[in-house]
Amino acid sequence: MLRPFDLGPTQWYILHQLIHHGPTAQRDLGQLLQVERSTLTVIVGALVRKGWVEQAVDAADQRRKLLRITPAGTELWAKLPDLSAIINDAAFTGIDQADMDAAVRVLRLATERLDAFIEKGHIA
């Protein structure tokens, strides 16, 4: 679905973040995506070269890089398929809402427990 636009799924998510949440620190995107800094640097570099994202030094913290969508990125976004809707439809159509709510509760609790486990240094 994204190939005709010369876009990968992680690139799509970065554009999604910038469109829906505005300028974002590159470091924060790494945490959201759970990807290594070097991997994110390559992905962001590709978006910058394509002219869809601009990278600037954060005025509040000169050590941080702030990412912004460009006008060309906004124009591209308007043409892209809505992956969120497509994925949600494929995964969840026909599933009872009570079952969905229970699954969300279980996954949220499991994620919180795993995050706490990692924070305690059990996983490097």
PDB file of N, CA and C in Angstrom:
ATOM      1  N   MET A   1       0.798  -1.202   0.000  1.00  0.00           N
ATOM      2  CA  MET A   1       0.000   0.000   0.000  1.00  0.00           C
ATOM      3  C   MET A   1       0.847   1.275   0.000  1.00  0.00           C
ATOM      4  N   LEU A   2       1.982   1.207   0.674  1.00  0.00           N
ATOM      5  CA  LEU A   2       2.838   2.390   0.764  1.00  0.00           C
ATOM      6  C   LEU A   2       3.916   2.430  -0.309  1.00  0.00           C
ATOM      7  N   ARG A   3       4.224   1.282  -0.879  1.00  0.00           N
ATOM      8  CA  ARG A   3       5.305   1.193  -1.863  1.00  0.00           C
ATOM      9  C   ARG A   3       5.157   2.191  -3.017  1.00  0.00           C
ATOM     10  N   PRO A   4       3.958   2.389  -3.565  1.00  0.00           N
ATOM     11  CA  PRO A   4       3.828   3.351  -4.661  1.00  0.00           C
ATOM     12  C   PRO A   4       4.211   4.785  -4.254  1.00  0.00           C
ATOM     13  N   PHE A   5       4.223   5.037  -2.967  1.00  0.00           N
ATOM     14  CA  PHE A   5       4.566   6.369  -2.462  1.00  0.00           C
ATOM     15  C   PHE A   5       6.028   6.452  -2.007  1.00  0.00           C
ATOM     16  N   ASP A   6       6.794   5.368  -2.209  1.00  0.00           N
ATOM     17  CA  ASP A   6       8.195   5.296  -1.777  1.00  0.00           C
ATOM     18  C   ASP A   6       8.300   5.551  -0.276  1.00  0.00           C
ATOM     19  N   LEU A   7       7.454   4.844   0.460  1.00  0.00           N
ATOM     20  CA  LEU A   7       7.341   5.066   1.894  1.00  0.00           C
ATOM     21  C   LEU A   7       7.262   3.727   2.616  1.00  0.00           C
ATOM     22  N   GLY A   8       7.982   3.601   3.725  1.00  0.00           N
ATOM     23  CA  GLY A   8       7.907   2.412   4.553  1.00  0.00           C
ATOM     24  C   GLY A   8       6.988   2.643   5.738  1.00  0.00           C
ATOM     25  N   PRO A   9       6.632   1.584   6.463  1.00  0.00           N
ATOM     26  CA  PRO A   9       5.698   1.729   7.584  1.00  0.00           C
ATOM     27  C   PRO A   9       6.219   2.631   8.705  1.00  0.00           C
ATOM     28  N   THR A  10       7.498   2.572   9.000  1.00  0.00           N
ATOM     29  CA  THR A  10       8.030   3.436  10.058  1.00  0.00           C
ATOM     30  C   THR A  10       8.029   4.884   9.596  1.00  0.00           C
ATOM     31  N   GLN A  11       8.336   5.103   8.327  1.00  0.00           N
ATOM     32  CA  GLN A  11       8.265   6.464   7.782  1.00  0.00           C
ATOM     33  C   GLN A  11       6.832   6.981   7.846  1.00  0.00           C
ATOM     34  N   TRP A  12       5.867   6.095   7.530  1.00  0.00           N
ATOM     35  CA  TRP A  12       4.455   6.483   7.600  1.00  0.00           C
ATOM     36  C   TRP A  12       4.109   6.917   9.022  1.00  0.00           C
ATOM     37  N   TYR A  13       4.571   6.142  10.011  1.00  0.00           N
ATOM     38  CA  TYR A  13       4.248   6.474  11.393  1.00  0.00           C
ATOM     39  C   TYR A  13       4.858   7.816  11.802  1.00  0.00           C
ATOM     40  N   ILE A  14       6.068   8.102  11.352  1.00  0.00           N
ATOM     41  CA  ILE A  14       6.690   9.398  11.669  1.00  0.00           C
ATOM     42  C   ILE A  14       5.862  10.530  11.076  1.00  0.00           C
ATOM     43  N   LEU A  15       5.448  10.371   9.833  1.00  0.00           N
ATOM     44  CA  LEU A  15       4.587  11.398   9.221  1.00  0.00           C
ATOM     45  C   LEU A  15       3.277  11.525   9.992  1.00  0.00           C
ATOM     46  N   HIS A  16       2.697  10.406  10.382  1.00  0.00           N
ATOM     47  CA  HIS A  16       1.454  10.404  11.172  1.00  0.00           C
ATOM     48  C   HIS A  16       1.649  11.202  12.458  1.00  0.00           C
ATOM     49  N   GLN A  17       2.729  10.947  13.152  1.00  0.00           N
ATOM     50  CA  GLN A  17       3.027  11.653  14.403  1.00  0.00           C
ATOM     51  C   GLN A  17       3.137  13.161  14.158  1.00  0.00           C
ATOM     52  N   LEU A  18       3.868  13.538  13.125  1.00  0.00           N
ATOM     53  CA  LEU A  18       4.084  14.964  12.854  1.00  0.00           C
ATOM     54  C   LEU A  18       2.809  15.660  12.386  1.00  0.00           C
ATOM     55  N   ILE A  19       1.999  14.966  11.612  1.00  0.00           N
ATOM     56  CA  ILE A  19       0.725  15.539  11.142  1.00  0.00           C
ATOM     57  C   ILE A  19      -0.239  15.726  12.309  1.00  0.00           C
ATOM     58  N   HIS A  20      -0.353  14.712  13.169  1.00  0.00           N
ATOM     59  CA  HIS A  20      -1.367  14.723  14.223  1.00  0.00           C
ATOM     60  C   HIS A  20      -0.913  15.353  15.536  1.00  0.00           C
ATOM     61  N   HIS A  21       0.391  15.416  15.766  1.00  0.00           N
ATOM     62  CA  HIS A  21       0.883  15.939  17.051  1.00  0.00           C
ATOM     63  C   HIS A  21       1.862  17.090  16.901  1.00  0.00           C
ATOM     64  N   GLY A  22       2.164  17.468  15.676  1.00  0.00           N
ATOM     65  CA  GLY A  22       3.040  18.604  15.433  1.00  0.00           C
ATOM     66  C   GLY A  22       4.508  18.259  15.606  1.00  0.00           C
ATOM     67  N   PRO A  23       5.348  19.297  15.613  1.00  0.00           N
ATOM     68  CA  PRO A  23       6.790  19.064  15.739  1.00  0.00           C
ATOM     69  C   PRO A  23       7.105  18.173  16.939  1.00  0.00           C
ATOM     70  N   THR A  24       8.020  17.244  16.717  1.00  0.00           N
ATOM     71  CA  THR A  24       8.340  16.233  17.719  1.00  0.00           C
ATOM     72  C   THR A  24       9.847  16.057  17.788  1.00  0.00           C
ATOM     73  N   ALA A  25      10.366  15.924  19.002  1.00  0.00           N
ATOM     74  CA  ALA A  25      11.788  15.659  19.175  1.00  0.00           C
ATOM     75  C   ALA A  25      12.111  14.280  18.617  1.00  0.00           C
ATOM     76  N   GLN A  26      13.218  14.190  17.887  1.00  0.00           N
ATOM     77  CA  GLN A  26      13.605  12.919  17.286  1.00  0.00           C
ATOM     78  C   GLN A  26      13.790  11.850  18.364  1.00  0.00           C
ATOM     79  N   ARG A  27      14.346  12.216  19.487  1.00  0.00           N
ATOM     80  CA  ARG A  27      14.549  11.268  20.590  1.00  0.00           C
ATOM     81  C   ARG A  27      13.212  10.691  21.064  1.00  0.00           C
ATOM     82  N   ASP A  28      12.180  11.538  21.120  1.00  0.00           N
ATOM     83  CA  ASP A  28      10.860  11.065  21.542  1.00  0.00           C
ATOM     84  C   ASP A  28      10.283  10.055  20.553  1.00  0.00           C
ATOM     85  N   LEU A  29      10.535  10.288  19.261  1.00  0.00           N
ATOM     86  CA  LEU A  29      10.063   9.329  18.260  1.00  0.00           C
ATOM     87  C   LEU A  29      10.736   7.974  18.447  1.00  0.00           C
ATOM     88  N   GLY A  30      12.010   7.995  18.780  1.00  0.00           N
ATOM     89  CA  GLY A  30      12.719   6.742  19.023  1.00  0.00           C
ATOM     90  C   GLY A  30      12.083   5.950  20.146  1.00  0.00           C
ATOM     91  N   GLN A  31      11.679   6.662  21.193  1.00  0.00           N
ATOM     92  CA  GLN A  31      11.025   5.991  22.318  1.00  0.00           C
ATOM     93  C   GLN A  31       9.638   5.484  21.924  1.00  0.00           C
ATOM     94  N   LEU A  32       8.894   6.283  21.182  1.00  0.00           N
ATOM     95  CA  LEU A  32       7.556   5.864  20.743  1.00  0.00           C
ATOM     96  C   LEU A  32       7.622   4.630  19.840  1.00  0.00           C
ATOM     97  N   LEU A  33       8.596   4.622  18.948  1.00  0.00           N
ATOM     98  CA  LEU A  33       8.721   3.538  17.983  1.00  0.00           C
ATOM     99  C   LEU A  33       9.505   2.347  18.514  1.00  0.00           C
ATOM    100  N   GLN A  34      10.204   2.552  19.644  1.00  0.00           N
ATOM    101  CA  GLN A  34      11.040   1.500  20.212  1.00  0.00           C
ATOM    102  C   GLN A  34      12.089   1.034  19.194  1.00  0.00           C
ATOM    103  N   VAL A  35      12.770   2.001  18.568  1.00  0.00           N
ATOM    104  CA  VAL A  35      13.843   1.679  17.630  1.00  0.00           C
ATOM    105  C   VAL A  35      15.140   2.322  18.111  1.00  0.00           C
ATOM    106  N   GLU A  36      16.235   1.723  17.705  1.00  0.00           N
ATOM    107  CA  GLU A  36      17.550   2.244  18.058  1.00  0.00           C
ATOM    108  C   GLU A  36      17.760   3.617  17.429  1.00  0.00           C
ATOM    109  N   ARG A  37      18.565   4.414  18.097  1.00  0.00           N
ATOM    110  CA  ARG A  37      18.842   5.768  17.622  1.00  0.00           C
ATOM    111  C   ARG A  37      19.420   5.755  16.205  1.00  0.00           C
ATOM    112  N   SER A  38      20.353   4.839  15.943  1.00  0.00           N
ATOM    113  CA  SER A  38      20.981   4.786  14.618  1.00  0.00           C
ATOM    114  C   SER A  38      19.968   4.419  13.533  1.00  0.00           C
ATOM    115  N   THR A  39      19.059   3.520  13.837  1.00  0.00           N
ATOM    116  CA  THR A  39      18.012   3.138  12.885  1.00  0.00           C
ATOM    117  C   THR A  39      17.109   4.329  12.593  1.00  0.00           C
ATOM    118  N   LEU A  40      16.717   5.028  13.639  1.00  0.00           N
ATOM    119  CA  LEU A  40      15.848   6.192  13.466  1.00  0.00           C
ATOM    120  C   LEU A  40      16.554   7.280  12.662  1.00  0.00           C
ATOM    121  N   THR A  41      17.846   7.457  12.887  1.00  0.00           N
ATOM    122  CA  THR A  41      18.609   8.464  12.152  1.00  0.00           C
ATOM    123  C   THR A  41      18.555   8.191  10.651  1.00  0.00           C
ATOM    124  N   VAL A  42      18.683   6.922  10.274  1.00  0.00           N
ATOM    125  CA  VAL A  42      18.627   6.549   8.855  1.00  0.00           C
ATOM    126  C   VAL A  42      17.230   6.817   8.293  1.00  0.00           C
ATOM    127  N   ILE A  43      16.204   6.440   9.034  1.00  0.00           N
ATOM    128  CA  ILE A  43      14.824   6.611   8.566  1.00  0.00           C
ATOM    129  C   ILE A  43      14.480   8.096   8.425  1.00  0.00           C
ATOM    130  N   VAL A  44      14.839   8.881   9.431  1.00  0.00           N
ATOM    131  CA  VAL A  44      14.569  10.326   9.373  1.00  0.00           C
ATOM    132  C   VAL A  44      15.368  10.959   8.239  1.00  0.00           C
ATOM    133  N   GLY A  45      16.614  10.526   8.072  1.00  0.00           N
ATOM    134  CA  GLY A  45      17.433  11.055   6.980  1.00  0.00           C
ATOM    135  C   GLY A  45      16.781  10.853   5.625  1.00  0.00           C
ATOM    136  N   ALA A  46      16.162   9.689   5.424  1.00  0.00           N
ATOM    137  CA  ALA A  46      15.473   9.422   4.164  1.00  0.00           C
ATOM    138  C   ALA A  46      14.289  10.373   3.985  1.00  0.00           C
ATOM    139  N   LEU A  47      13.530  10.610   5.049  1.00  0.00           N
ATOM    140  CA  LEU A  47      12.388  11.529   4.965  1.00  0.00           C
ATOM    141  C   LEU A  47      12.847  12.954   4.675  1.00  0.00           C
ATOM    142  N   VAL A  48      13.960  13.334   5.254  1.00  0.00           N
ATOM    143  CA  VAL A  48      14.509  14.678   5.007  1.00  0.00           C
ATOM    144  C   VAL A  48      14.956  14.791   3.549  1.00  0.00           C
ATOM    145  N   ARG A  49      15.688  13.787   3.052  1.00  0.00           N
ATOM    146  CA  ARG A  49      16.156  13.808   1.652  1.00  0.00           C
ATOM    147  C   ARG A  49      14.989  13.873   0.669  1.00  0.00           C
ATOM    148  N   LYS A  50      13.893  13.208   1.012  1.00  0.00           N
ATOM    149  CA  LYS A  50      12.722  13.216   0.141  1.00  0.00           C
ATOM    150  C   LYS A  50      11.957  14.539   0.223  1.00  0.00           C
ATOM    151  N   GLY A  51      12.314  15.371   1.203  1.00  0.00           N
ATOM    152  CA  GLY A  51      11.680  16.677   1.331  1.00  0.00           C
ATOM    153  C   GLY A  51      10.383  16.678   2.110  1.00  0.00           C
ATOM    154  N   TRP A  52      10.090  15.579   2.818  1.00  0.00           N
ATOM    155  CA  TRP A  52       8.819  15.476   3.533  1.00  0.00           C
ATOM    156  C   TRP A  52       8.912  15.910   4.988  1.00  0.00           C
ATOM    157  N   VAL A  53      10.123  15.930   5.522  1.00  0.00           N
ATOM    158  CA  VAL A  53      10.349  16.300   6.923  1.00  0.00           C
ATOM    159  C   VAL A  53      11.551  17.220   6.973  1.00  0.00           C
ATOM    160  N   GLU A  54      11.503  18.177   7.896  1.00  0.00           N
ATOM    161  CA  GLU A  54      12.681  19.010   8.131  1.00  0.00           C
ATOM    162  C   GLU A  54      13.159  18.771   9.550  1.00  0.00           C
ATOM    163  N   GLN A  55      14.447  18.838   9.699  1.00  0.00           N
ATOM    164  CA  GLN A  55      15.100  18.581  10.981  1.00  0.00           C
ATOM    165  C   GLN A  55      15.778  19.874  11.408  1.00  0.00           C
ATOM    166  N   ALA A  56      15.509  20.310  12.639  1.00  0.00           N
ATOM    167  CA  ALA A  56      16.101  21.541  13.145  1.00  0.00           C
ATOM    168  C   ALA A  56      16.564  21.331  14.582  1.00  0.00           C
ATOM    169  N   VAL A  57      17.435  22.203  15.019  1.00  0.00           N
ATOM    170  CA  VAL A  57      17.872  22.158  16.411  1.00  0.00           C
ATOM    171  C   VAL A  57      16.749  22.730  17.265  1.00  0.00           C
ATOM    172  N   ASP A  58      16.428  22.054  18.353  1.00  0.00           N
ATOM    173  CA  ASP A  58      15.380  22.497  19.269  1.00  0.00           C
ATOM    174  C   ASP A  58      15.845  23.762  19.985  1.00  0.00           C
ATOM    175  N   ALA A  59      15.082  24.840  19.883  1.00  0.00           N
ATOM    176  CA  ALA A  59      15.459  26.103  20.505  1.00  0.00           C
ATOM    177  C   ALA A  59      15.549  25.979  22.026  1.00  0.00           C
ATOM    178  N   ALA A  60      14.746  25.103  22.609  1.00  0.00           N
ATOM    179  CA  ALA A  60      14.744  24.944  24.062  1.00  0.00           C
ATOM    180  C   ALA A  60      15.925  24.105  24.553  1.00  0.00           C
ATOM    181  N   ASP A  61      16.451  23.231  23.693  1.00  0.00           N
ATOM    182  CA  ASP A  61      17.562  22.357  24.074  1.00  0.00           C
ATOM    183  C   ASP A  61      18.395  22.090  22.828  1.00  0.00           C
ATOM    184  N   GLN A  62      19.511  22.768  22.709  1.00  0.00           N
ATOM    185  CA  GLN A  62      20.345  22.702  21.515  1.00  0.00           C
ATOM    186  C   GLN A  62      20.858  21.294  21.206  1.00  0.00           C
ATOM    187  N   ARG A  63      20.784  20.383  22.164  1.00  0.00           N
ATOM    188  CA  ARG A  63      21.261  19.009  21.948  1.00  0.00           C
ATOM    189  C   ARG A  63      20.220  18.154  21.230  1.00  0.00           C
ATOM    190  N   ARG A  64      18.990  18.626  21.193  1.00  0.00           N
ATOM    191  CA  ARG A  64      17.903  17.830  20.618  1.00  0.00           C
ATOM    192  C   ARG A  64      17.592  18.270  19.196  1.00  0.00           C
ATOM    193  N   LYS A  65      17.169  17.294  18.389  1.00  0.00           N
ATOM    194  CA  LYS A  65      16.724  17.569  17.030  1.00  0.00           C
ATOM    195  C   LYS A  65      15.209  17.534  17.019  1.00  0.00           C
ATOM    196  N   LEU A  66      14.619  18.554  16.444  1.00  0.00           N
ATOM    197  CA  LEU A  66      13.169  18.665  16.352  1.00  0.00           C
ATOM    198  C   LEU A  66      12.759  18.397  14.905  1.00  0.00           C
ATOM    199  N   LEU A  67      11.769  17.549  14.728  1.00  0.00           N
ATOM    200  CA  LEU A  67      11.282  17.214  13.392  1.00  0.00           C
ATOM    201  C   LEU A  67       9.959  17.906  13.135  1.00  0.00           C
ATOM    202  N   ARG A  68       9.824  18.417  11.910  1.00  0.00           N
ATOM    203  CA  ARG A  68       8.588  19.080  11.470  1.00  0.00           C
ATOM    204  C   ARG A  68       8.220  18.556  10.090  1.00  0.00           C
ATOM    205  N   ILE A  69       6.939  18.465   9.835  1.00  0.00           N
ATOM    206  CA  ILE A  69       6.461  18.093   8.507  1.00  0.00           C
ATOM    207  C   ILE A  69       6.640  19.305   7.588  1.00  0.00           C
ATOM    208  N   THR A  70       7.012  19.064   6.346  1.00  0.00           N
ATOM    209  CA  THR A  70       7.144  20.140   5.368  1.00  0.00           C
ATOM    210  C   THR A  70       5.838  20.267   4.586  1.00  0.00           C
ATOM    211  N   PRO A  71       5.684  21.341   3.811  1.00  0.00           N
ATOM    212  CA  PRO A  71       4.499  21.419   2.944  1.00  0.00           C
ATOM    213  C   PRO A  71       4.395  20.219   1.989  1.00  0.00           C
ATOM    214  N   ALA A  72       5.532  19.761   1.465  1.00  0.00           N
ATOM    215  CA  ALA A  72       5.516  18.586   0.586  1.00  0.00           C
ATOM    216  C   ALA A  72       5.077  17.343   1.360  1.00  0.00           C
ATOM    217  N   GLY A  73       5.480  17.234   2.622  1.00  0.00           N
ATOM    218  CA  GLY A  73       5.061  16.117   3.466  1.00  0.00           C
ATOM    219  C   GLY A  73       3.569  16.160   3.737  1.00  0.00           C
ATOM    220  N   THR A  74       3.051  17.342   3.970  1.00  0.00           N
ATOM    221  CA  THR A  74       1.613  17.506   4.191  1.00  0.00           C
ATOM    222  C   THR A  74       0.833  17.137   2.931  1.00  0.00           C
ATOM    223  N   GLU A  75       1.353  17.533   1.779  1.00  0.00           N
ATOM    224  CA  GLU A  75       0.710  17.197   0.509  1.00  0.00           C
ATOM    225  C   GLU A  75       0.728  15.681   0.282  1.00  0.00           C
ATOM    226  N   LEU A  76       1.861  15.051   0.578  1.00  0.00           N
ATOM    227  CA  LEU A  76       1.946  13.595   0.455  1.00  0.00           C
ATOM    228  C   LEU A  76       0.940  12.925   1.384  1.00  0.00           C
ATOM    229  N   TRP A  77       0.876  13.396   2.633  1.00  0.00           N
ATOM    230  CA  TRP A  77      -0.018  12.779   3.621  1.00  0.00           C
ATOM    231  C   TRP A  77      -1.460  12.752   3.124  1.00  0.00           C
ATOM    232  N   ALA A  78      -1.874  13.803   2.455  1.00  0.00           N
ATOM    233  CA  ALA A  78      -3.248  13.892   1.957  1.00  0.00           C
ATOM    234  C   ALA A  78      -3.545  12.810   0.912  1.00  0.00           C
ATOM    235  N   LYS A  79      -2.508  12.276   0.277  1.00  0.00           N
ATOM    236  CA  LYS A  79      -2.673  11.260  -0.761  1.00  0.00           C
ATOM    237  C   LYS A  79      -2.557   9.825  -0.222  1.00  0.00           C
ATOM    238  N   LEU A  80      -2.040   9.673   0.975  1.00  0.00           N
ATOM    239  CA  LEU A  80      -1.751   8.344   1.513  1.00  0.00           C
ATOM    240  C   LEU A  80      -3.015   7.628   1.995  1.00  0.00           C
ATOM    241  N   PRO A  81      -3.017   6.294   1.896  1.00  0.00           N
ATOM    242  CA  PRO A  81      -4.141   5.542   2.472  1.00  0.00           C
ATOM    243  C   PRO A  81      -4.108   5.670   3.992  1.00  0.00           C
ATOM    244  N   ASP A  82      -5.262   5.587   4.620  1.00  0.00           N
ATOM    245  CA  ASP A  82      -5.359   5.659   6.077  1.00  0.00           C
ATOM    246  C   ASP A  82      -5.070   4.276   6.647  1.00  0.00           C
ATOM    247  N   LEU A  83      -3.793   4.027   6.943  1.00  0.00           N
ATOM    248  CA  LEU A  83      -3.393   2.710   7.438  1.00  0.00           C
ATOM    249  C   LEU A  83      -4.053   2.357   8.755  1.00  0.00           C
ATOM    250  N   SER A  84      -4.273   3.344   9.600  1.00  0.00           N
ATOM    251  CA  SER A  84      -4.916   3.064  10.889  1.00  0.00           C
ATOM    252  C   SER A  84      -6.285   2.428  10.679  1.00  0.00           C
ATOM    253  N   ALA A  85      -7.073   3.004   9.803  1.00  0.00           N
ATOM    254  CA  ALA A  85      -8.418   2.481   9.542  1.00  0.00           C
ATOM    255  C   ALA A  85      -8.354   1.110   8.878  1.00  0.00           C
ATOM    256  N   ILE A  86      -7.438   0.948   7.944  1.00  0.00           N
ATOM    257  CA  ILE A  86      -7.312  -0.329   7.234  1.00  0.00           C
ATOM    258  C   ILE A  86      -6.913  -1.435   8.208  1.00  0.00           C
ATOM    259  N   ILE A  87      -5.927  -1.154   9.055  1.00  0.00           N
ATOM    260  CA  ILE A  87      -5.456  -2.145  10.029  1.00  0.00           C
ATOM    261  C   ILE A  87      -6.545  -2.464  11.043  1.00  0.00           C
ATOM    262  N   ASN A  88      -7.213  -1.429  11.552  1.00  0.00           N
ATOM    263  CA  ASN A  88      -8.297  -1.658  12.520  1.00  0.00           C
ATOM    264  C   ASN A  88      -9.416  -2.502  11.918  1.00  0.00           C
ATOM    265  N   ASP A  89      -9.802  -2.196  10.696  1.00  0.00           N
ATOM    266  CA  ASP A  89     -10.859  -2.972  10.045  1.00  0.00           C
ATOM    267  C   ASP A  89     -10.437  -4.424   9.873  1.00  0.00           C
ATOM    268  N   ALA A  90      -9.223  -4.643   9.394  1.00  0.00           N
ATOM    269  CA  ALA A  90      -8.749  -6.007   9.153  1.00  0.00           C
ATOM    270  C   ALA A  90      -8.641  -6.807  10.453  1.00  0.00           C
ATOM    271  N   ALA A  91      -8.199  -6.149  11.505  1.00  0.00           N
ATOM    272  CA  ALA A  91      -7.944  -6.860  12.762  1.00  0.00           C
ATOM    273  C   ALA A  91      -9.181  -7.019  13.643  1.00  0.00           C
ATOM    274  N   PHE A  92     -10.060  -6.021  13.662  1.00  0.00           N
ATOM    275  CA  PHE A  92     -11.081  -5.988  14.703  1.00  0.00           C
ATOM    276  C   PHE A  92     -12.536  -6.053  14.247  1.00  0.00           C
ATOM    277  N   THR A  93     -12.794  -6.027  12.956  1.00  0.00           N
ATOM    278  CA  THR A  93     -14.180  -6.101  12.494  1.00  0.00           C
ATOM    279  C   THR A  93     -14.814  -7.405  12.964  1.00  0.00           C
ATOM    280  N   GLY A  94     -15.977  -7.299  13.579  1.00  0.00           N
ATOM    281  CA  GLY A  94     -16.715  -8.466  14.029  1.00  0.00           C
ATOM    282  C   GLY A  94     -16.397  -8.928  15.437  1.00  0.00           C
ATOM    283  N   ILE A  95     -15.471  -8.285  16.104  1.00  0.00           N
ATOM    284  CA  ILE A  95     -15.132  -8.664  17.478  1.00  0.00           C
ATOM    285  C   ILE A  95     -16.004  -7.855  18.435  1.00  0.00           C
ATOM    286  N   ASP A  96     -16.595  -8.553  19.384  1.00  0.00           N
ATOM    287  CA  ASP A  96     -17.480  -7.933  20.364  1.00  0.00           C
ATOM    288  C   ASP A  96     -16.734  -6.855  21.171  1.00  0.00           C
ATOM    289  N   GLN A  97     -17.387  -5.751  21.445  1.00  0.00           N
ATOM    290  CA  GLN A  97     -16.760  -4.636  22.167  1.00  0.00           C
ATOM    291  C   GLN A  97     -16.311  -5.037  23.575  1.00  0.00           C
ATOM    292  N   ALA A  98     -17.080  -5.872  24.257  1.00  0.00           N
ATOM    293  CA  ALA A  98     -16.683  -6.323  25.602  1.00  0.00           C
ATOM    294  C   ALA A  98     -15.370  -7.107  25.541  1.00  0.00           C
ATOM    295  N   ASP A  99     -15.223  -7.926  24.503  1.00  0.00           N
ATOM    296  CA  ASP A  99     -13.968  -8.666  24.320  1.00  0.00           C
ATOM    297  C   ASP A  99     -12.816  -7.706  24.039  1.00  0.00           C
ATOM    298  N   MET A 100     -13.066  -6.696  23.237  1.00  0.00           N
ATOM    299  CA  MET A 100     -12.044  -5.683  22.927  1.00  0.00           C
ATOM    300  C   MET A 100     -11.620  -4.956  24.202  1.00  0.00           C
ATOM    301  N   ASP A 101     -12.595  -4.567  25.014  1.00  0.00           N
ATOM    302  CA  ASP A 101     -12.284  -3.844  26.254  1.00  0.00           C
ATOM    303  C   ASP A 101     -11.443  -4.707  27.189  1.00  0.00           C
ATOM    304  N   ALA A 102     -11.785  -5.992  27.292  1.00  0.00           N
ATOM    305  CA  ALA A 102     -11.015  -6.900  28.147  1.00  0.00           C
ATOM    306  C   ALA A 102      -9.586  -7.051  27.621  1.00  0.00           C
ATOM    307  N   ALA A 103      -9.442  -7.196  26.324  1.00  0.00           N
ATOM    308  CA  ALA A 103      -8.105  -7.341  25.734  1.00  0.00           C
ATOM    309  C   ALA A 103      -7.265  -6.093  25.979  1.00  0.00           C
ATOM    310  N   VAL A 104      -7.867  -4.932  25.844  1.00  0.00           N
ATOM    311  CA  VAL A 104      -7.139  -3.676  26.085  1.00  0.00           C
ATOM    312  C   VAL A 104      -6.677  -3.607  27.538  1.00  0.00           C
ATOM    313  N   ARG A 105      -7.555  -3.975  28.479  1.00  0.00           N
ATOM    314  CA  ARG A 105      -7.169  -3.954  29.900  1.00  0.00           C
ATOM    315  C   ARG A 105      -5.993  -4.889  30.167  1.00  0.00           C
ATOM    316  N   VAL A 106      -6.047  -6.084  29.637  1.00  0.00           N
ATOM    317  CA  VAL A 106      -4.983  -7.062  29.855  1.00  0.00           C
ATOM    318  C   VAL A 106      -3.673  -6.582  29.227  1.00  0.00           C
ATOM    319  N   LEU A 107      -3.739  -6.109  28.005  1.00  0.00           N
ATOM    320  CA  LEU A 107      -2.522  -5.642  27.336  1.00  0.00           C
ATOM    321  C   LEU A 107      -1.937  -4.403  28.008  1.00  0.00           C
ATOM    322  N   ARG A 108      -2.784  -3.506  28.472  1.00  0.00           N
ATOM    323  CA  ARG A 108      -2.302  -2.312  29.169  1.00  0.00           C
ATOM    324  C   ARG A 108      -1.577  -2.717  30.459  1.00  0.00           C
ATOM    325  N   LEU A 109      -2.174  -3.618  31.227  1.00  0.00           N
ATOM    326  CA  LEU A 109      -1.553  -4.078  32.464  1.00  0.00           C
ATOM    327  C   LEU A 109      -0.234  -4.799  32.180  1.00  0.00           C
ATOM    328  N   ALA A 110      -0.220  -5.654  31.175  1.00  0.00           N
ATOM    329  CA  ALA A 110       1.001  -6.373  30.825  1.00  0.00           C
ATOM    330  C   ALA A 110       2.101  -5.403  30.398  1.00  0.00           C
ATOM    331  N   THR A 111       1.736  -4.380  29.634  1.00  0.00           N
ATOM    332  CA  THR A 111       2.716  -3.384  29.197  1.00  0.00           C
ATOM    333  C   THR A 111       3.268  -2.608  30.384  1.00  0.00           C
ATOM    334  N   GLU A 112       2.399  -2.209  31.287  1.00  0.00           N
ATOM    335  CA  GLU A 112       2.851  -1.491  32.483  1.00  0.00           C
ATOM    336  C   GLU A 112       3.815  -2.352  33.297  1.00  0.00           C
ATOM    337  N   ARG A 113       3.508  -3.633  33.441  1.00  0.00           N
ATOM    338  CA  ARG A 113       4.377  -4.540  34.197  1.00  0.00           C
ATOM    339  C   ARG A 113       5.727  -4.719  33.505  1.00  0.00           C
ATOM    340  N   LEU A 114       5.705  -4.869  32.187  1.00  0.00           N
ATOM    341  CA  LEU A 114       6.961  -5.012  31.453  1.00  0.00           C
ATOM    342  C   LEU A 114       7.801  -3.740  31.526  1.00  0.00           C
ATOM    343  N   ASP A 115       7.160  -2.587  31.410  1.00  0.00           N
ATOM    344  CA  ASP A 115       7.888  -1.312  31.531  1.00  0.00           C
ATOM    345  C   ASP A 115       8.540  -1.196  32.899  1.00  0.00           C
ATOM    346  N   ALA A 116       7.812  -1.563  33.961  1.00  0.00           N
ATOM    347  CA  ALA A 116       8.363  -1.505  35.318  1.00  0.00           C
ATOM    348  C   ALA A 116       9.525  -2.480  35.452  1.00  0.00           C
ATOM    349  N   PHE A 117       9.395  -3.661  34.878  1.00  0.00           N
ATOM    350  CA  PHE A 117      10.457  -4.674  34.916  1.00  0.00           C
ATOM    351  C   PHE A 117      11.726  -4.145  34.243  1.00  0.00           C
ATOM    352  N   ILE A 118      11.546  -3.505  33.089  1.00  0.00           N
ATOM    353  CA  ILE A 118      12.678  -2.941  32.352  1.00  0.00           C
ATOM    354  C   ILE A 118      13.309  -1.794  33.144  1.00  0.00           C
ATOM    355  N   GLU A 119      12.477  -0.929  33.718  1.00  0.00           N
ATOM    356  CA  GLU A 119      12.980   0.212  34.508  1.00  0.00           C
ATOM    357  C   GLU A 119      13.802  -0.227  35.693  1.00  0.00           C
ATOM    358  N   LYS A 120      13.487  -1.385  36.242  1.00  0.00           N
ATOM    359  CA  LYS A 120      14.258  -1.904  37.383  1.00  0.00           C
ATOM    360  C   LYS A 120      15.605  -2.478  36.947  1.00  0.00           C
ATOM    361  N   GLY A 121      15.859  -2.465  35.635  1.00  0.00           N
ATOM    362  CA  GLY A 121      17.143  -2.915  35.129  1.00  0.00           C
ATOM    363  C   GLY A 121      17.244  -4.395  34.867  1.00  0.00           C
ATOM    364  N   HIS A 122      16.116  -5.083  34.809  1.00  0.00           N
ATOM    365  CA  HIS A 122      16.152  -6.527  34.573  1.00  0.00           C
ATOM    366  C   HIS A 122      16.497  -6.864  33.127  1.00  0.00           C
ATOM    367  N   ILE A 123      16.250  -5.931  32.219  1.00  0.00           N
ATOM    368  CA  ILE A 123      16.565  -6.119  30.807  1.00  0.00           C
ATOM    369  C   ILE A 123      17.364  -4.887  30.378  1.00  0.00           C
ATOM    370  N   ALA A 124      18.513  -5.130  29.797  1.00  0.00           N
ATOM    371  CA  ALA A 124      19.367  -4.004  29.358  1.00  0.00           C
ATOM    372  C   ALA A 124      18.869  -3.422  28.078  1.00  0.00           C
TER     373      ALA A 124
END
